């Protein structure tokens, strides 16, 4: 309150909510955002919390070791990360290695994932857990694997799946009648890869 009373041009908040419990942190985040917008005050909000960064910012800068990696809106950085660090900071990311070939990103193990891109080359693809589903299908865009571990997260179930391209994280909505697969079960992963970010 004292800081706002002197009407600063810029307000710096360095991890202001880090010592609060989860529910209070969400409430205070909303109140801070409402106050900031009401006062029209430029605010630099420092945080290591992905959710906090995404929900409080109009524009964000992701730093690694004090070096800016990318600047943009939260959605721009999430949808089009400049590198693997940015992709991982803004949410869970499965990053597979491979190369572009004939309209597909071909993983190191030979799985062909269809992509829509004008890039001449790429060595990694970023796959978000919510863009991967468990299926009985086979063919392009499908990766075979075996469930290593299952985590119940309330609104969703998170699967860690071992594949020839490494461990892949899959998030599936939890709902009535949803089948929960156990560890050791062989599965196929249907990947929505067409608009997935590609990295050099």
N, C-alpha and C. Protein backbone atom coordinates (compact mmCIF):
# COMPACT_ATOMS: atom_id res chain seq x y z
N UNK A 1 0.83 -1.19 0.00
CA UNK A 1 0.00 0.00 0.00
C UNK A 1 0.87 1.25 0.00
N UNK A 2 1.95 1.26 0.80
CA UNK A 2 2.83 2.43 0.84
C UNK A 2 3.50 2.67 -0.50
N UNK A 3 3.87 1.58 -1.17
CA UNK A 3 4.52 1.71 -2.47
C UNK A 3 3.57 2.32 -3.48
N UNK A 4 2.33 1.86 -3.51
CA UNK A 4 1.34 2.38 -4.46
C UNK A 4 1.01 3.84 -4.14
N UNK A 5 1.01 4.22 -2.86
CA UNK A 5 0.65 5.58 -2.45
C UNK A 5 1.59 6.63 -3.02
N UNK A 6 2.85 6.29 -3.28
CA UNK A 6 3.79 7.29 -3.82
C UNK A 6 3.71 7.38 -5.34
N UNK A 7 2.78 6.62 -5.95
CA UNK A 7 2.53 6.65 -7.39
C UNK A 7 3.80 6.45 -8.22
N UNK A 8 4.43 5.29 -8.09
CA UNK A 8 5.64 5.02 -8.88
C UNK A 8 5.29 4.82 -10.35
N UNK A 9 6.27 5.01 -11.24
CA UNK A 9 6.05 4.77 -12.67
C UNK A 9 6.09 3.28 -12.98
N UNK A 10 6.93 2.55 -12.23
CA UNK A 10 7.05 1.11 -12.41
C UNK A 10 7.07 0.45 -11.03
N UNK A 11 6.35 -0.65 -10.91
CA UNK A 11 6.32 -1.39 -9.65
C UNK A 11 7.02 -2.73 -9.86
N UNK A 12 8.02 -3.04 -9.04
CA UNK A 12 8.74 -4.31 -9.12
C UNK A 12 8.26 -5.23 -8.00
N UNK A 13 7.73 -6.39 -8.39
CA UNK A 13 7.29 -7.40 -7.42
C UNK A 13 8.15 -8.64 -7.62
N UNK A 14 8.99 -8.93 -6.64
CA UNK A 14 9.92 -10.06 -6.74
C UNK A 14 9.38 -11.23 -5.90
N UNK A 15 8.78 -12.21 -6.57
CA UNK A 15 8.21 -13.39 -5.92
C UNK A 15 7.28 -13.00 -4.76
N UNK A 16 6.30 -12.10 -4.99
CA UNK A 16 5.50 -11.59 -3.87
C UNK A 16 4.56 -12.62 -3.24
N UNK A 17 4.26 -13.69 -3.95
CA UNK A 17 3.29 -14.66 -3.45
C UNK A 17 3.91 -16.00 -3.07
N UNK A 18 5.21 -16.09 -3.11
CA UNK A 18 5.89 -17.38 -2.98
C UNK A 18 5.69 -18.06 -1.63
N UNK A 19 5.42 -17.30 -0.57
CA UNK A 19 5.28 -17.91 0.76
C UNK A 19 3.84 -18.18 1.17
N UNK A 20 2.90 -18.03 0.23
CA UNK A 20 1.49 -18.26 0.54
C UNK A 20 1.10 -19.67 0.13
N UNK A 21 0.07 -20.22 0.81
CA UNK A 21 -0.40 -21.54 0.39
C UNK A 21 -1.16 -21.40 -0.93
N UNK A 22 -1.42 -22.53 -1.59
CA UNK A 22 -1.92 -22.52 -2.97
C UNK A 22 -3.20 -21.73 -3.16
N UNK A 23 -4.22 -21.95 -2.32
CA UNK A 23 -5.50 -21.26 -2.52
C UNK A 23 -5.39 -19.77 -2.27
N UNK A 24 -4.64 -19.37 -1.25
CA UNK A 24 -4.45 -17.95 -0.96
C UNK A 24 -3.62 -17.29 -2.06
N UNK A 25 -2.67 -18.02 -2.60
CA UNK A 25 -1.84 -17.49 -3.68
C UNK A 25 -2.70 -17.13 -4.90
N UNK A 26 -3.65 -18.01 -5.25
CA UNK A 26 -4.54 -17.74 -6.38
C UNK A 26 -5.40 -16.51 -6.11
N UNK A 27 -5.95 -16.42 -4.91
CA UNK A 27 -6.79 -15.27 -4.54
C UNK A 27 -5.99 -13.97 -4.59
N UNK A 28 -4.80 -13.95 -4.00
CA UNK A 28 -3.98 -12.74 -3.97
C UNK A 28 -3.49 -12.36 -5.37
N UNK A 29 -3.24 -13.36 -6.20
CA UNK A 29 -2.82 -13.09 -7.57
C UNK A 29 -3.91 -12.33 -8.31
N UNK A 30 -5.16 -12.74 -8.13
CA UNK A 30 -6.28 -12.05 -8.78
C UNK A 30 -6.43 -10.63 -8.26
N UNK A 31 -6.27 -10.46 -6.94
CA UNK A 31 -6.39 -9.12 -6.36
C UNK A 31 -5.27 -8.20 -6.83
N UNK A 32 -4.05 -8.72 -6.89
CA UNK A 32 -2.93 -7.92 -7.40
C UNK A 32 -3.15 -7.49 -8.84
N UNK A 33 -3.64 -8.42 -9.65
CA UNK A 33 -3.89 -8.14 -11.06
C UNK A 33 -4.99 -7.08 -11.22
N UNK A 34 -6.06 -7.20 -10.42
CA UNK A 34 -7.14 -6.22 -10.48
C UNK A 34 -6.64 -4.84 -10.06
N UNK A 35 -5.83 -4.76 -9.01
CA UNK A 35 -5.27 -3.49 -8.55
C UNK A 35 -4.35 -2.89 -9.60
N UNK A 36 -3.51 -3.71 -10.18
CA UNK A 36 -2.57 -3.24 -11.21
C UNK A 36 -3.33 -2.66 -12.40
N UNK A 37 -4.40 -3.32 -12.82
CA UNK A 37 -5.17 -2.84 -13.98
C UNK A 37 -5.96 -1.59 -13.63
N UNK A 38 -6.47 -1.53 -12.40
CA UNK A 38 -7.24 -0.36 -11.96
C UNK A 38 -6.35 0.88 -11.93
N UNK A 39 -5.12 0.72 -11.45
CA UNK A 39 -4.19 1.85 -11.34
C UNK A 39 -3.46 2.14 -12.65
N UNK A 40 -3.51 1.20 -13.59
CA UNK A 40 -2.79 1.37 -14.86
C UNK A 40 -1.29 1.45 -14.66
N UNK A 41 -0.80 0.69 -13.71
CA UNK A 41 0.59 0.77 -13.29
C UNK A 41 1.43 -0.32 -13.97
N UNK A 42 2.50 0.08 -14.65
CA UNK A 42 3.41 -0.90 -15.24
C UNK A 42 4.06 -1.68 -14.10
N UNK A 43 3.96 -3.01 -14.19
CA UNK A 43 4.46 -3.85 -13.11
C UNK A 43 5.38 -4.93 -13.67
N UNK A 44 6.55 -5.05 -13.07
CA UNK A 44 7.47 -6.14 -13.39
C UNK A 44 7.29 -7.18 -12.29
N UNK A 45 6.81 -8.36 -12.68
CA UNK A 45 6.45 -9.42 -11.74
C UNK A 45 7.42 -10.58 -11.93
N UNK A 46 8.29 -10.81 -10.96
CA UNK A 46 9.28 -11.88 -11.06
C UNK A 46 8.71 -13.13 -10.40
N UNK A 47 8.74 -14.26 -11.13
CA UNK A 47 8.23 -15.51 -10.56
C UNK A 47 8.87 -16.71 -11.24
N UNK A 48 8.94 -17.81 -10.50
CA UNK A 48 9.38 -19.09 -11.07
C UNK A 48 8.19 -20.01 -11.26
N UNK A 49 6.99 -19.53 -10.93
CA UNK A 49 5.77 -20.32 -11.02
C UNK A 49 5.15 -20.14 -12.40
N UNK A 50 5.03 -21.23 -13.16
CA UNK A 50 4.51 -21.16 -14.53
C UNK A 50 3.10 -20.61 -14.58
N UNK A 51 2.24 -21.09 -13.69
CA UNK A 51 0.85 -20.64 -13.69
C UNK A 51 0.76 -19.15 -13.37
N UNK A 52 1.54 -18.71 -12.40
CA UNK A 52 1.59 -17.29 -12.04
C UNK A 52 2.04 -16.45 -13.23
N UNK A 53 3.08 -16.90 -13.90
CA UNK A 53 3.60 -16.16 -15.05
C UNK A 53 2.56 -16.06 -16.16
N UNK A 54 1.87 -17.15 -16.43
CA UNK A 54 0.89 -17.17 -17.52
C UNK A 54 -0.34 -16.32 -17.21
N UNK A 55 -0.79 -16.33 -15.96
CA UNK A 55 -2.05 -15.66 -15.63
C UNK A 55 -1.91 -14.18 -15.28
N UNK A 56 -0.72 -13.73 -14.94
CA UNK A 56 -0.57 -12.33 -14.51
C UNK A 56 0.03 -11.42 -15.58
N UNK A 57 0.53 -11.97 -16.66
CA UNK A 57 1.28 -11.12 -17.58
C UNK A 57 0.56 -10.85 -18.90
N UNK A 58 0.77 -9.64 -19.41
CA UNK A 58 0.36 -9.29 -20.77
C UNK A 58 1.50 -9.66 -21.71
N UNK A 59 2.72 -9.39 -21.24
CA UNK A 59 3.94 -9.77 -21.96
C UNK A 59 4.89 -10.35 -20.93
N UNK A 60 5.66 -11.34 -21.36
CA UNK A 60 6.61 -11.93 -20.43
C UNK A 60 7.96 -12.13 -21.11
N UNK A 61 8.97 -12.16 -20.28
CA UNK A 61 10.32 -12.49 -20.74
C UNK A 61 10.77 -13.71 -19.95
N UNK A 62 11.25 -14.71 -20.65
CA UNK A 62 11.78 -15.91 -20.00
C UNK A 62 13.29 -15.79 -19.98
N UNK A 63 13.89 -15.86 -18.78
CA UNK A 63 15.33 -15.75 -18.63
C UNK A 63 15.93 -17.08 -18.20
N UNK A 64 17.11 -17.36 -18.69
CA UNK A 64 17.86 -18.54 -18.27
C UNK A 64 19.27 -18.08 -17.96
N UNK A 65 19.67 -18.20 -16.70
CA UNK A 65 20.99 -17.75 -16.30
C UNK A 65 21.19 -16.26 -16.51
N UNK A 66 20.10 -15.48 -16.35
CA UNK A 66 20.18 -14.03 -16.52
C UNK A 66 20.13 -13.56 -17.96
N UNK A 67 19.97 -14.48 -18.90
CA UNK A 67 19.92 -14.12 -20.33
C UNK A 67 18.49 -14.31 -20.84
N UNK A 68 17.96 -13.27 -21.49
CA UNK A 68 16.61 -13.35 -22.05
C UNK A 68 16.59 -14.35 -23.19
N UNK A 69 15.68 -15.33 -23.09
CA UNK A 69 15.53 -16.35 -24.12
C UNK A 69 14.44 -15.99 -25.13
N UNK A 70 13.36 -15.35 -24.63
CA UNK A 70 12.25 -14.99 -25.51
C UNK A 70 11.34 -14.00 -24.80
N UNK A 71 10.75 -13.09 -25.58
CA UNK A 71 9.79 -12.12 -25.07
C UNK A 71 8.53 -12.21 -25.93
N UNK A 72 7.36 -12.15 -25.30
CA UNK A 72 6.10 -12.17 -26.03
C UNK A 72 4.94 -12.37 -25.07
N UNK A 73 3.75 -12.59 -25.62
CA UNK A 73 2.61 -12.89 -24.76
C UNK A 73 2.76 -14.32 -24.25
N UNK A 74 2.10 -14.65 -23.15
CA UNK A 74 2.18 -16.03 -22.65
C UNK A 74 1.79 -17.05 -23.71
N UNK A 75 0.73 -16.76 -24.47
CA UNK A 75 0.28 -17.71 -25.48
C UNK A 75 1.30 -17.85 -26.61
N UNK A 76 1.92 -16.74 -27.02
CA UNK A 76 2.95 -16.82 -28.07
C UNK A 76 4.11 -17.70 -27.62
N UNK A 77 4.55 -17.51 -26.39
CA UNK A 77 5.69 -18.28 -25.90
C UNK A 77 5.33 -19.75 -25.70
N UNK A 78 4.11 -20.02 -25.29
CA UNK A 78 3.67 -21.41 -25.09
C UNK A 78 3.53 -22.12 -26.43
N UNK A 79 2.88 -21.44 -27.39
CA UNK A 79 2.61 -22.06 -28.70
C UNK A 79 3.83 -22.10 -29.61
N UNK A 80 4.72 -21.12 -29.48
CA UNK A 80 5.89 -21.03 -30.35
C UNK A 80 7.15 -20.72 -29.55
N UNK A 81 7.58 -21.64 -28.70
CA UNK A 81 8.79 -21.39 -27.90
C UNK A 81 10.03 -21.29 -28.78
N UNK A 82 10.94 -20.41 -28.39
CA UNK A 82 12.17 -20.20 -29.17
C UNK A 82 13.15 -21.35 -29.00
N UNK A 83 13.07 -22.04 -27.86
CA UNK A 83 14.00 -23.14 -27.61
C UNK A 83 13.42 -24.09 -26.57
N UNK A 84 14.14 -25.14 -26.26
CA UNK A 84 13.67 -26.15 -25.33
C UNK A 84 13.49 -25.63 -23.92
N UNK A 85 14.32 -24.67 -23.49
CA UNK A 85 14.19 -24.12 -22.15
C UNK A 85 12.86 -23.41 -22.00
N UNK A 86 12.51 -22.57 -22.97
CA UNK A 86 11.23 -21.84 -22.93
C UNK A 86 10.07 -22.83 -22.96
N UNK A 87 10.15 -23.83 -23.82
CA UNK A 87 9.08 -24.83 -23.93
C UNK A 87 8.86 -25.52 -22.59
N UNK A 88 9.93 -25.88 -21.90
CA UNK A 88 9.82 -26.57 -20.63
C UNK A 88 9.40 -25.67 -19.49
N UNK A 89 9.77 -24.39 -19.54
CA UNK A 89 9.40 -23.48 -18.45
C UNK A 89 7.91 -23.19 -18.45
N UNK A 90 7.31 -23.09 -19.63
CA UNK A 90 5.91 -22.69 -19.72
C UNK A 90 4.94 -23.86 -19.69
N UNK A 91 5.36 -24.97 -19.22
CA UNK A 91 4.46 -26.12 -19.10
C UNK A 91 5.21 -27.40 -19.41
N UNK A 92 4.56 -28.51 -19.14
CA UNK A 92 5.19 -29.79 -19.41
C UNK A 92 5.36 -29.97 -20.91
N UNK A 93 6.54 -30.37 -21.33
CA UNK A 93 6.83 -30.52 -22.76
C UNK A 93 7.58 -31.82 -23.00
N UNK A 94 7.09 -32.58 -23.97
CA UNK A 94 7.83 -33.74 -24.47
C UNK A 94 8.63 -33.25 -25.66
N UNK A 95 9.94 -33.32 -25.59
CA UNK A 95 10.77 -32.85 -26.70
C UNK A 95 11.47 -34.06 -27.31
N UNK A 96 11.07 -34.38 -28.54
CA UNK A 96 11.63 -35.53 -29.24
C UNK A 96 12.63 -35.08 -30.29
N UNK A 97 13.69 -35.85 -30.47
CA UNK A 97 14.71 -35.54 -31.48
C UNK A 97 14.40 -36.26 -32.78
N UNK A 98 14.84 -35.65 -33.88
CA UNK A 98 14.62 -36.25 -35.20
C UNK A 98 14.95 -35.27 -36.30
N UNK A 99 14.23 -35.36 -37.42
CA UNK A 99 14.48 -34.46 -38.55
C UNK A 99 13.22 -34.37 -39.41
N UNK A 100 13.18 -33.31 -40.23
CA UNK A 100 12.06 -33.12 -41.16
C UNK A 100 12.31 -33.92 -42.42
N UNK A 101 11.24 -34.60 -42.88
CA UNK A 101 11.36 -35.38 -44.10
C UNK A 101 9.98 -35.56 -44.73
N UNK A 102 9.79 -35.05 -45.96
CA UNK A 102 8.56 -35.27 -46.72
C UNK A 102 7.28 -34.93 -45.95
N UNK A 103 7.22 -33.73 -45.38
CA UNK A 103 6.01 -33.28 -44.69
C UNK A 103 5.78 -33.90 -43.33
N UNK A 104 6.81 -34.52 -42.78
CA UNK A 104 6.67 -35.14 -41.46
C UNK A 104 7.94 -34.89 -40.65
N UNK A 105 7.77 -34.91 -39.34
CA UNK A 105 8.93 -34.92 -38.45
C UNK A 105 9.17 -36.37 -38.11
N UNK A 106 10.31 -36.90 -38.52
CA UNK A 106 10.62 -38.31 -38.30
C UNK A 106 11.53 -38.40 -37.07
N UNK A 107 11.03 -39.07 -36.04
CA UNK A 107 11.79 -39.19 -34.80
C UNK A 107 13.00 -40.10 -35.00
N UNK A 108 13.91 -40.07 -34.04
CA UNK A 108 15.13 -40.88 -34.15
C UNK A 108 14.82 -42.37 -34.26
N UNK A 109 13.67 -42.79 -33.72
CA UNK A 109 13.32 -44.21 -33.81
C UNK A 109 12.52 -44.53 -35.08
N UNK A 110 12.24 -43.49 -35.90
CA UNK A 110 11.56 -43.73 -37.17
C UNK A 110 10.07 -43.47 -37.18
N UNK A 111 9.50 -42.95 -36.09
CA UNK A 111 8.08 -42.61 -36.08
C UNK A 111 7.85 -41.32 -36.86
N UNK A 112 6.95 -41.36 -37.85
CA UNK A 112 6.66 -40.20 -38.70
C UNK A 112 5.46 -39.45 -38.15
N UNK A 113 5.68 -38.18 -37.75
CA UNK A 113 4.62 -37.34 -37.21
C UNK A 113 4.32 -36.23 -38.21
N UNK A 114 3.12 -36.20 -38.81
CA UNK A 114 2.78 -35.17 -39.80
C UNK A 114 2.89 -33.77 -39.20
N UNK A 115 3.50 -32.85 -39.95
CA UNK A 115 3.62 -31.46 -39.51
C UNK A 115 3.30 -30.52 -40.67
N UNK A 116 2.80 -29.34 -40.33
CA UNK A 116 2.55 -28.29 -41.33
C UNK A 116 3.59 -27.21 -41.08
N UNK A 117 4.62 -27.16 -41.90
CA UNK A 117 5.69 -26.19 -41.68
C UNK A 117 6.33 -25.79 -43.00
N UNK A 118 6.92 -24.61 -42.99
CA UNK A 118 7.70 -24.15 -44.14
C UNK A 118 9.19 -24.18 -43.82
N UNK A 119 9.53 -24.67 -42.64
CA UNK A 119 10.94 -24.75 -42.25
C UNK A 119 11.68 -25.74 -43.13
N UNK A 120 12.94 -25.44 -43.39
CA UNK A 120 13.77 -26.35 -44.19
C UNK A 120 14.34 -27.47 -43.32
N UNK A 121 14.53 -27.16 -42.03
CA UNK A 121 15.13 -28.17 -41.14
C UNK A 121 14.68 -27.94 -39.71
N UNK A 122 14.67 -28.99 -38.94
CA UNK A 122 14.38 -28.94 -37.50
C UNK A 122 14.94 -30.21 -36.89
N UNK A 123 15.43 -30.12 -35.66
CA UNK A 123 16.01 -31.30 -35.02
C UNK A 123 15.21 -31.78 -33.81
N UNK A 124 14.19 -30.98 -33.40
CA UNK A 124 13.37 -31.35 -32.25
C UNK A 124 11.92 -30.90 -32.47
N UNK A 125 11.00 -31.65 -31.89
CA UNK A 125 9.58 -31.30 -31.92
C UNK A 125 9.08 -31.25 -30.49
N UNK A 126 8.22 -30.26 -30.19
CA UNK A 126 7.67 -30.09 -28.85
C UNK A 126 6.23 -30.61 -28.85
N UNK A 127 5.98 -31.62 -28.04
CA UNK A 127 4.65 -32.22 -27.94
C UNK A 127 4.11 -32.01 -26.53
N UNK A 128 2.99 -31.31 -26.43
CA UNK A 128 2.37 -31.06 -25.13
C UNK A 128 1.55 -32.29 -24.72
N UNK A 129 1.54 -32.64 -23.43
CA UNK A 129 0.84 -33.84 -22.95
C UNK A 129 -0.64 -33.88 -23.31
N UNK A 130 -1.29 -32.72 -23.37
CA UNK A 130 -2.72 -32.70 -23.67
C UNK A 130 -3.01 -32.91 -25.16
N UNK A 131 -1.97 -32.89 -26.00
CA UNK A 131 -2.13 -33.12 -27.44
C UNK A 131 -1.77 -34.55 -27.83
N UNK A 132 -1.70 -35.42 -26.84
CA UNK A 132 -1.40 -36.83 -27.08
C UNK A 132 -2.50 -37.66 -26.41
N UNK A 133 -3.02 -38.63 -27.12
CA UNK A 133 -4.07 -39.47 -26.55
C UNK A 133 -3.71 -40.94 -26.66
N UNK A 134 -4.29 -41.74 -25.79
CA UNK A 134 -4.10 -43.19 -25.84
C UNK A 134 -5.10 -43.75 -26.84
N UNK A 135 -4.64 -44.64 -27.72
CA UNK A 135 -5.48 -45.15 -28.79
C UNK A 135 -5.17 -46.61 -29.09
N UNK A 136 -6.03 -47.23 -29.88
CA UNK A 136 -5.77 -48.59 -30.36
C UNK A 136 -5.31 -48.55 -31.81
N UNK A 137 -5.20 -47.34 -32.38
CA UNK A 137 -4.85 -47.18 -33.79
C UNK A 137 -3.38 -47.47 -34.05
N UNK A 138 -3.03 -47.47 -35.33
CA UNK A 138 -1.63 -47.53 -35.75
C UNK A 138 -1.51 -46.66 -36.99
N UNK A 139 -0.30 -46.42 -37.45
CA UNK A 139 -0.08 -45.62 -38.65
C UNK A 139 0.58 -44.30 -38.34
N UNK A 140 0.55 -43.34 -39.31
CA UNK A 140 1.22 -42.04 -39.13
C UNK A 140 0.68 -41.30 -37.91
N UNK A 141 1.58 -40.71 -37.16
CA UNK A 141 1.18 -39.95 -35.98
C UNK A 141 0.92 -40.79 -34.75
N UNK A 142 1.23 -42.09 -34.83
CA UNK A 142 1.01 -42.98 -33.69
C UNK A 142 2.35 -43.56 -33.23
N UNK A 143 2.59 -43.50 -31.93
CA UNK A 143 3.84 -44.00 -31.34
C UNK A 143 3.50 -45.13 -30.37
N UNK A 144 4.07 -46.32 -30.55
CA UNK A 144 3.81 -47.42 -29.60
C UNK A 144 4.62 -47.23 -28.32
N UNK A 145 4.08 -47.73 -27.21
CA UNK A 145 4.80 -47.63 -25.95
C UNK A 145 4.17 -48.49 -24.87
N UNK A 146 4.70 -48.37 -23.66
CA UNK A 146 4.18 -49.10 -22.51
C UNK A 146 4.10 -48.14 -21.32
N UNK A 147 3.01 -48.20 -20.59
CA UNK A 147 2.83 -47.31 -19.45
C UNK A 147 3.80 -47.69 -18.33
N UNK A 148 4.57 -46.71 -17.89
CA UNK A 148 5.50 -46.93 -16.77
C UNK A 148 4.85 -46.55 -15.44
N UNK A 149 4.07 -45.45 -15.47
CA UNK A 149 3.54 -44.91 -14.21
C UNK A 149 2.27 -44.11 -14.51
N UNK A 150 1.37 -44.09 -13.54
CA UNK A 150 0.14 -43.31 -13.66
C UNK A 150 -0.01 -42.43 -12.43
N UNK A 151 -0.38 -41.15 -12.64
CA UNK A 151 -0.59 -40.22 -11.53
C UNK A 151 -2.00 -39.63 -11.63
N UNK A 152 -2.75 -39.68 -10.55
CA UNK A 152 -4.08 -39.07 -10.51
C UNK A 152 -3.92 -37.63 -10.05
N UNK A 153 -4.33 -36.66 -10.88
CA UNK A 153 -4.15 -35.25 -10.56
C UNK A 153 -5.48 -34.53 -10.34
N UNK A 154 -6.54 -35.28 -10.10
CA UNK A 154 -7.85 -34.67 -9.89
C UNK A 154 -8.62 -34.58 -11.19
N UNK A 155 -8.46 -33.48 -11.89
CA UNK A 155 -9.20 -33.29 -13.14
C UNK A 155 -8.60 -34.08 -14.30
N UNK A 156 -7.42 -34.59 -14.11
CA UNK A 156 -6.79 -35.37 -15.18
C UNK A 156 -5.93 -36.49 -14.61
N UNK A 157 -5.61 -37.43 -15.50
CA UNK A 157 -4.69 -38.51 -15.17
C UNK A 157 -3.46 -38.34 -16.04
N UNK A 158 -2.31 -38.38 -15.41
CA UNK A 158 -1.05 -38.23 -16.14
C UNK A 158 -0.38 -39.60 -16.25
N UNK A 159 -0.02 -39.94 -17.49
CA UNK A 159 0.67 -41.20 -17.76
C UNK A 159 2.10 -40.91 -18.19
N UNK A 160 3.04 -41.68 -17.67
CA UNK A 160 4.41 -41.67 -18.15
C UNK A 160 4.57 -42.93 -18.99
N UNK A 161 4.84 -42.75 -20.28
CA UNK A 161 4.86 -43.86 -21.22
C UNK A 161 6.26 -44.04 -21.78
N UNK A 162 6.80 -45.25 -21.68
CA UNK A 162 8.10 -45.56 -22.26
C UNK A 162 7.92 -45.87 -23.74
N UNK A 163 8.70 -45.18 -24.59
CA UNK A 163 8.66 -45.42 -26.03
C UNK A 163 10.09 -45.54 -26.54
N UNK A 164 10.24 -45.89 -27.80
CA UNK A 164 11.57 -45.96 -28.41
C UNK A 164 12.20 -44.58 -28.51
N UNK A 165 11.40 -43.52 -28.38
CA UNK A 165 11.91 -42.15 -28.43
C UNK A 165 12.08 -41.55 -27.04
N UNK A 166 12.03 -42.38 -26.02
CA UNK A 166 12.17 -41.90 -24.65
C UNK A 166 10.82 -41.87 -23.94
N UNK A 167 10.84 -41.36 -22.73
CA UNK A 167 9.61 -41.31 -21.94
C UNK A 167 8.74 -40.14 -22.40
N UNK A 168 7.46 -40.40 -22.63
CA UNK A 168 6.51 -39.39 -23.08
C UNK A 168 5.42 -39.24 -22.03
N UNK A 169 5.09 -37.99 -21.70
CA UNK A 169 4.04 -37.69 -20.72
C UNK A 169 2.74 -37.43 -21.46
N UNK A 170 1.67 -38.08 -21.01
CA UNK A 170 0.35 -37.94 -21.62
C UNK A 170 -0.64 -37.53 -20.54
N UNK A 171 -1.41 -36.46 -20.78
CA UNK A 171 -2.45 -36.04 -19.86
C UNK A 171 -3.81 -36.37 -20.45
N UNK A 172 -4.61 -37.07 -19.67
CA UNK A 172 -5.95 -37.47 -20.12
C UNK A 172 -6.97 -36.97 -19.11
N UNK A 173 -8.05 -36.34 -19.60
CA UNK A 173 -9.08 -35.84 -18.70
C UNK A 173 -9.68 -36.99 -17.89
N UNK A 174 -9.89 -36.72 -16.61
CA UNK A 174 -10.51 -37.72 -15.75
C UNK A 174 -12.01 -37.47 -15.76
N UNK A 175 -12.77 -38.47 -16.09
CA UNK A 175 -14.22 -38.33 -16.11
C UNK A 175 -14.88 -39.66 -15.81
N UNK A 176 -16.16 -39.59 -15.57
CA UNK A 176 -16.92 -40.80 -15.25
C UNK A 176 -16.84 -41.77 -16.42
N UNK A 177 -16.49 -43.00 -16.12
CA UNK A 177 -16.41 -44.02 -17.16
C UNK A 177 -15.07 -44.08 -17.87
N UNK A 178 -14.16 -43.15 -17.55
CA UNK A 178 -12.84 -43.16 -18.20
C UNK A 178 -12.04 -44.36 -17.70
N UNK A 179 -11.42 -45.07 -18.63
CA UNK A 179 -10.60 -46.23 -18.27
C UNK A 179 -9.24 -45.76 -17.79
N UNK A 180 -8.82 -46.24 -16.63
CA UNK A 180 -7.50 -45.90 -16.10
C UNK A 180 -6.56 -47.06 -16.38
N UNK A 181 -5.57 -46.85 -17.22
CA UNK A 181 -4.63 -47.89 -17.59
C UNK A 181 -3.58 -48.07 -16.49
N UNK A 182 -3.16 -49.29 -16.30
CA UNK A 182 -2.19 -49.61 -15.26
C UNK A 182 -0.78 -49.68 -15.84
N UNK A 183 0.21 -49.60 -14.95
CA UNK A 183 1.61 -49.72 -15.36
C UNK A 183 1.84 -51.06 -16.04
N UNK A 184 2.65 -51.05 -17.09
CA UNK A 184 2.98 -52.26 -17.82
C UNK A 184 2.12 -52.51 -19.04
N UNK A 185 0.99 -51.81 -19.15
CA UNK A 185 0.08 -52.00 -20.28
C UNK A 185 0.68 -51.42 -21.55
N UNK A 186 0.62 -52.19 -22.65
CA UNK A 186 1.07 -51.71 -23.95
C UNK A 186 0.01 -50.77 -24.51
N UNK A 187 0.44 -49.61 -25.01
CA UNK A 187 -0.49 -48.62 -25.55
C UNK A 187 0.06 -48.05 -26.84
N UNK A 188 -0.80 -47.33 -27.55
CA UNK A 188 -0.37 -46.56 -28.72
C UNK A 188 -0.74 -45.11 -28.44
N UNK A 189 0.15 -44.20 -28.79
CA UNK A 189 -0.07 -42.77 -28.55
C UNK A 189 -0.41 -42.08 -29.86
N UNK A 190 -1.60 -41.49 -29.92
CA UNK A 190 -2.00 -40.69 -31.08
C UNK A 190 -1.54 -39.26 -30.81
N UNK A 191 -0.65 -38.75 -31.67
CA UNK A 191 -0.04 -37.45 -31.46
C UNK A 191 -0.64 -36.42 -32.41
N UNK A 192 -1.17 -35.32 -31.84
CA UNK A 192 -1.63 -34.20 -32.66
C UNK A 192 -0.41 -33.32 -32.93
N UNK A 193 0.28 -33.62 -34.00
CA UNK A 193 1.59 -33.01 -34.25
C UNK A 193 1.59 -31.94 -35.32
N UNK A 194 0.48 -31.79 -36.05
CA UNK A 194 0.49 -30.91 -37.24
C UNK A 194 0.98 -29.50 -36.92
N UNK A 195 0.52 -28.93 -35.80
CA UNK A 195 0.91 -27.57 -35.44
C UNK A 195 1.88 -27.52 -34.27
N UNK A 196 2.52 -28.62 -33.98
CA UNK A 196 3.47 -28.67 -32.86
C UNK A 196 4.70 -27.81 -33.17
N UNK A 197 5.23 -27.10 -32.16
CA UNK A 197 6.43 -26.30 -32.38
C UNK A 197 7.62 -27.16 -32.78
N UNK A 198 8.39 -26.65 -33.73
CA UNK A 198 9.62 -27.31 -34.17
C UNK A 198 10.81 -26.44 -33.77
N UNK A 199 11.87 -27.06 -33.32
CA UNK A 199 13.06 -26.34 -32.87
C UNK A 199 14.26 -26.75 -33.69
N UNK A 200 15.20 -25.81 -33.84
CA UNK A 200 16.42 -26.08 -34.60
C UNK A 200 17.29 -27.09 -33.88
